[in-house]
Amino acid sequence: MVLFKTPFYKKYIEPVNLNISDTEYAYLAGIIDTDGSISLSKVGMSKHSPKYKVLVEVCNNSEELIEWLRQRIPRYNLRRLNNRTYVFSIYHIGICWSLLPNIVERLVLKSKQAQLALKALELKYKFWRSENKSYKTEMEKLHALLKWINRKGKHEDEEIRNTYYDKGSKSELYAYLAGVIDGDGSIYSNHKGVVQVSIGTKSEKYAQWLSEHIEGSFVWYSESANVWLLSLKVDYFVYQLLNECVRYSVIKKQLMERILESVR
């Protein structure tokens, strides 16, 4: 969509300049795919119609991750659930305008939600301060579809076609994987020095996609946990993955560094 410097553009879009690198966008995509959500919410009623707001959220209990986000996202809302989990909400329309185009291709599991959210932003830009009927109809369709995808999880059964990391730089792939490990991954190290990496997901196809991009890994289903698990147990492949991801990790960076230091 061609953006003209309308009052909307000058008020909401032009002032925003996110200072985020390509690898940081890839890391953030990994965090959103595992611990995040992208939605379109109704935030109240105007005189004639509901107001819609694109919302990107990250839920995590890591203070390090929240501080990392705060340093890169200038406007946000932060709350806590049960005095443990942080909910970092990105709702400012100008920031969403800058953020979503940079992560939509980098997302693997939630790329569909990002595409729909971008369509909503385009409609808000095109019909700002307008009571056009087509705007209301299209926004309601997008709202219903995003709500259905997020609540029912139907996207988990869809084919994953993301090829961004196949043609892009390896650094972005490992930054993305660092985000996935920080979000839904576990790193085990026992007293015998055996190290294992595991990533859990409800989507079999996502687990398979990850396995295709993590050398030496295999996928299996855990009936007790009701999730698909990607496991990495061979020492060489474990250390290779950690060595590539450590520079991008935020939550598990220190753990990765300790493990790598013990084998050097």
Protein backbone atom coordinates (compact mmCIF):
# COMPACT_ATOMS: atom_id res chain seq x y z
CA MET A 1 0.00 0.00 0.00
CA VAL A 2 1.34 3.44 -0.97
CA LEU A 3 1.36 5.75 2.04
CA PHE A 4 0.72 9.43 1.44
CA LYS A 5 1.61 12.00 4.06
CA THR A 6 -1.93 12.54 5.22
CA PRO A 7 -2.73 13.94 8.70
CA PHE A 8 -3.02 10.29 9.84
CA TYR A 9 0.46 9.51 8.53
CA LYS A 10 2.00 12.62 10.10
CA LYS A 11 0.31 12.00 13.45
CA TYR A 12 0.79 8.27 13.91
CA ILE A 13 3.33 6.81 11.48
CA GLU A 14 5.97 9.41 10.68
CA PRO A 15 7.09 10.04 14.31
CA VAL A 16 7.93 6.36 14.90
CA ASN A 17 11.42 5.12 14.12
CA LEU A 18 12.19 1.76 15.73
CA ASN A 19 15.90 1.16 16.22
CA ILE A 20 15.80 -2.62 15.82
CA SER A 21 18.26 -4.70 13.78
CA ASP A 22 17.35 -7.56 11.42
CA THR A 23 18.53 -10.22 13.88
CA GLU A 24 16.55 -8.54 16.67
CA TYR A 25 13.42 -8.64 14.51
CA ALA A 26 14.10 -12.35 13.90
CA TYR A 27 14.55 -12.97 17.64
CA LEU A 28 11.32 -11.10 18.37
CA ALA A 29 9.52 -13.23 15.75
CA GLY A 30 10.69 -16.35 17.59
CA ILE A 31 9.39 -14.94 20.88
CA ILE A 32 6.01 -14.02 19.37
CA ASP A 33 5.66 -17.44 17.69
CA THR A 34 6.12 -19.13 21.07
CA ASP A 35 5.06 -16.71 23.83
CA GLY A 36 3.16 -14.05 21.90
CA SER A 37 -0.12 -13.25 20.22
CA ILE A 38 -1.41 -10.95 17.48
CA SER A 39 -5.04 -9.90 17.61
CA LEU A 40 -7.60 -7.28 16.64
CA SER A 41 -9.69 -6.17 19.57
CA LYS A 42 -12.75 -4.00 20.00
CA VAL A 43 -11.74 -1.36 22.52
CA GLY A 44 -15.04 0.46 22.92
CA MET A 45 -17.86 2.04 21.07
CA SER A 46 -17.76 5.38 19.31
CA LYS A 47 -20.96 7.25 18.56
CA HIS A 48 -21.69 5.18 15.47
CA SER A 49 -19.42 2.13 15.43
CA PRO A 50 -16.89 0.09 17.44
CA LYS A 51 -13.23 1.00 17.51
CA TYR A 52 -10.70 -1.65 16.52
CA LYS A 53 -7.15 -1.89 17.78
CA VAL A 54 -4.32 -4.10 16.55
CA LEU A 55 -2.61 -5.66 19.55
CA VAL A 56 0.70 -7.53 19.74
CA GLU A 57 1.45 -9.15 23.09
CA VAL A 58 4.27 -11.13 24.69
CA CYS A 59 3.62 -13.14 27.88
CA ASN A 60 6.68 -14.26 29.81
CA ASN A 61 8.01 -14.26 33.37
CA SER A 62 11.53 -13.13 32.45
CA GLU A 63 12.51 -9.67 33.67
CA GLU A 64 15.46 -9.74 31.26
CA LEU A 65 13.12 -10.17 28.28
CA ILE A 66 10.79 -7.41 29.45
CA GLU A 67 13.73 -5.03 29.82
CA TRP A 68 14.97 -6.02 26.35
CA LEU A 69 11.54 -5.18 24.92
CA ARG A 70 11.30 -1.91 26.83
CA GLN A 71 14.59 -0.73 25.36
CA ARG A 72 13.31 -1.28 21.81
CA ILE A 73 9.59 -0.48 21.97
CA PRO A 74 9.00 3.12 23.09
CA ARG A 75 5.28 2.82 23.79
CA TYR A 76 3.67 -0.17 25.47
CA ASN A 77 1.50 -1.36 28.34
CA LEU A 78 2.92 -3.68 30.99
CA ARG A 79 0.94 -5.68 33.51
CA ARG A 80 1.44 -8.83 35.59
CA LEU A 81 -0.68 -11.94 35.97
CA ASN A 82 -0.66 -13.73 39.34
CA ASN A 83 2.37 -11.64 40.39
CA ARG A 84 4.53 -13.76 38.11
CA THR A 85 3.89 -13.51 34.39
CA TYR A 86 4.47 -10.22 32.58
CA VAL A 87 2.17 -9.21 29.73
CA PHE A 88 3.93 -6.77 27.40
CA SER A 89 1.34 -5.16 25.09
CA ILE A 90 2.14 -3.22 21.91
CA TYR A 91 -0.88 -1.28 20.76
CA HIS A 92 0.26 2.13 19.44
CA ILE A 93 -0.77 2.19 15.78
CA GLY A 94 2.45 3.84 14.60
CA ILE A 95 4.60 1.24 16.33
CA CYS A 96 2.48 -1.60 14.92
CA TRP A 97 2.91 0.00 11.47
CA SER A 98 6.69 -0.15 11.89
CA LEU A 99 6.88 -3.50 13.66
CA LEU A 100 4.55 -5.84 11.76
CA PRO A 101 5.99 -5.36 8.24
CA ASN A 102 9.41 -6.28 9.66
CA ILE A 103 8.30 -9.48 11.37
CA VAL A 104 5.52 -10.81 9.13
CA GLU A 105 7.95 -12.73 6.88
CA ARG A 106 10.07 -13.78 9.85
CA LEU A 107 7.12 -15.34 11.69
CA VAL A 108 6.54 -19.03 11.08
CA LEU A 109 3.62 -20.10 13.28
CA LYS A 110 1.75 -16.80 13.51
CA SER A 111 2.43 -15.26 10.09
CA LYS A 112 -1.28 -15.53 9.16
CA GLN A 113 -2.27 -13.42 12.16
CA ALA A 114 0.33 -10.80 11.25
CA GLN A 115 -0.94 -10.63 7.66
CA LEU A 116 -4.51 -10.08 8.85
CA ALA A 117 -3.38 -7.45 11.37
CA LEU A 118 -1.58 -5.59 8.58
CA LYS A 119 -4.78 -5.60 6.53
CA ALA A 120 -6.58 -4.06 9.50
CA LEU A 121 -3.93 -1.34 9.76
CA GLU A 122 -4.29 -0.55 6.06
CA LEU A 123 -8.06 -0.20 6.48
CA LYS A 124 -7.59 2.11 9.47
CA TYR A 125 -5.23 4.25 7.40
CA LYS A 126 -7.46 4.30 4.34
CA PHE A 127 -10.74 5.04 6.13
CA TRP A 128 -9.53 7.14 9.06
CA ARG A 129 -12.38 9.35 10.37
CA SER A 130 -14.73 7.76 7.87
CA GLU A 131 -18.06 6.03 8.46
CA ASN A 132 -17.74 4.02 5.23
CA LYS A 133 -19.85 0.86 5.43
CA SER A 134 -17.24 -1.28 3.69
CA TYR A 135 -14.74 -0.32 6.40
CA LYS A 136 -17.04 -1.59 9.15
CA THR A 137 -17.81 -4.78 7.25
CA GLU A 138 -14.18 -5.62 6.45
CA MET A 139 -12.95 -4.81 9.96
CA GLU A 140 -15.60 -7.02 11.50
CA LYS A 141 -14.58 -9.87 9.18
CA LEU A 142 -10.94 -9.47 10.16
CA HIS A 143 -11.86 -9.28 13.84
CA ALA A 144 -13.91 -12.47 13.64
CA LEU A 145 -11.28 -14.37 11.65
CA LEU A 146 -8.40 -13.41 13.94
CA LYS A 147 -10.50 -14.28 16.98
CA TRP A 148 -11.32 -17.68 15.50
CA ILE A 149 -7.69 -18.45 14.62
CA ASN A 150 -6.39 -17.43 18.04
CA ARG A 151 -9.08 -19.18 20.07
CA LYS A 152 -9.47 -22.39 18.11
CA GLY A 153 -5.83 -22.81 17.14
CA LYS A 154 -6.81 -24.03 13.68
CA HIS A 155 -3.61 -22.57 12.26
CA GLU A 156 -1.73 -25.37 14.02
CA ASP A 157 -3.05 -27.83 11.43
CA GLU A 158 -2.13 -25.74 8.40
CA GLU A 159 0.87 -26.36 6.19
CA ILE A 160 3.86 -24.20 7.05
CA ARG A 161 5.28 -22.57 3.96
CA ASN A 162 7.80 -20.14 5.45
CA THR A 163 10.98 -20.08 3.36
CA TYR A 164 12.37 -16.76 4.62
CA TYR A 165 15.17 -18.41 6.59
CA ASP A 166 16.07 -20.73 3.72
CA LYS A 167 17.03 -17.83 1.48
CA GLY A 168 18.08 -15.37 4.20
CA SER A 169 21.15 -15.11 6.36
CA LYS A 170 22.05 -17.85 8.84
CA SER A 171 22.39 -15.21 11.55
CA GLU A 172 18.67 -14.45 11.33
CA LEU A 173 17.78 -18.13 11.48
CA TYR A 174 19.77 -18.61 14.68
CA ALA A 175 18.37 -15.38 16.12
CA TYR A 176 14.86 -16.73 15.44
CA LEU A 177 15.75 -20.10 17.00
CA ALA A 178 17.18 -18.29 20.03
CA GLY A 179 13.78 -16.63 20.46
CA VAL A 180 12.02 -19.99 20.16
CA ILE A 181 14.33 -21.60 22.74
CA ASP A 182 13.92 -18.63 25.07
CA GLY A 183 10.15 -18.90 24.70
CA ASP A 184 9.24 -22.60 24.61
CA GLY A 185 12.60 -24.32 24.93
CA SER A 186 14.36 -26.15 27.73
CA ILE A 187 18.07 -26.82 28.19
CA TYR A 188 18.97 -29.69 30.48
CA SER A 189 22.42 -30.24 31.93
CA ASN A 190 22.95 -33.05 34.47
CA HIS A 191 25.82 -33.85 36.85
CA LYS A 192 27.44 -36.09 34.25
CA GLY A 193 27.75 -33.25 31.79
CA VAL A 194 25.03 -34.53 29.48
CA VAL A 195 23.23 -31.63 27.79
CA GLN A 196 19.93 -31.82 25.95
CA VAL A 197 17.75 -29.23 24.22
CA SER A 198 14.00 -29.64 23.93
CA ILE A 199 11.26 -27.46 22.38
CA GLY A 200 7.56 -28.14 22.94
CA THR A 201 4.67 -27.16 20.68
CA LYS A 202 1.08 -28.22 20.01
CA SER A 203 1.68 -28.04 16.27
CA GLU A 204 3.20 -31.12 14.69
CA LYS A 205 3.97 -29.26 11.47
CA TYR A 206 5.76 -26.50 13.37
CA ALA A 207 7.81 -29.10 15.22
CA GLN A 208 8.73 -30.65 11.88
CA TRP A 209 9.65 -27.25 10.44
CA LEU A 210 11.93 -26.59 13.40
CA SER A 211 13.51 -30.03 13.03
CA GLU A 212 14.28 -29.30 9.38
CA HIS A 213 16.21 -26.20 10.51
CA ILE A 214 17.95 -27.69 13.55
CA GLU A 215 20.53 -30.23 12.49
CA GLY A 216 20.58 -33.47 14.47
CA SER A 217 17.12 -33.03 16.02
CA PHE A 218 14.13 -35.40 15.99
CA VAL A 219 10.40 -34.99 16.73
CA TRP A 220 8.21 -37.14 18.96
CA TYR A 221 4.81 -36.87 20.66
CA SER A 222 4.55 -36.75 24.46
CA GLU A 223 1.19 -38.16 25.53
CA SER A 224 1.70 -37.09 29.15
CA ALA A 225 2.31 -33.45 28.19
CA ASN A 226 0.01 -33.52 25.13
CA VAL A 227 2.60 -31.71 23.00
CA TRP A 228 5.00 -32.41 20.18
CA LEU A 229 8.59 -32.28 21.31
CA LEU A 230 11.68 -31.53 19.27
CA SER A 231 14.72 -33.04 20.99
CA LEU A 232 18.43 -32.60 20.47
CA LYS A 233 20.68 -35.01 22.36
CA VAL A 234 23.89 -35.61 20.40
CA ASP A 235 26.67 -33.54 21.99
CA TYR A 236 28.07 -32.14 18.75
CA PHE A 237 24.72 -30.87 17.49
CA VAL A 238 23.71 -29.49 20.91
CA TYR A 239 26.90 -27.47 21.27
CA GLN A 240 26.70 -26.33 17.65
CA LEU A 241 23.17 -24.97 18.15
CA LEU A 242 23.99 -23.26 21.45
CA ASN A 243 27.16 -21.77 20.01
CA GLU A 244 25.16 -20.17 17.19
CA CYS A 245 22.24 -19.00 19.34
CA VAL A 246 24.04 -17.69 22.43
CA ARG A 247 24.81 -14.26 20.97
CA TYR A 248 21.11 -13.60 20.33
CA SER A 249 19.53 -15.20 23.41
CA VAL A 250 18.16 -12.97 26.17
CA ILE A 251 16.53 -15.30 28.70
CA LYS A 252 18.82 -18.34 28.51
CA LYS A 253 22.01 -16.53 27.48
CA GLN A 254 23.87 -17.11 30.75
CA LEU A 255 22.93 -20.79 30.83
CA MET A 256 24.16 -21.24 27.26
CA GLU A 257 27.41 -19.45 28.09
CA ARG A 258 28.06 -21.69 31.12
CA ILE A 259 27.48 -24.85 29.12
CA LEU A 260 29.70 -23.72 26.25
CA GLU A 261 32.43 -22.59 28.62
CA SER A 262 32.48 -26.04 30.27
CA VAL A 263 33.41 -27.74 26.98
CA ARG A 264 36.00 -25.27 25.72
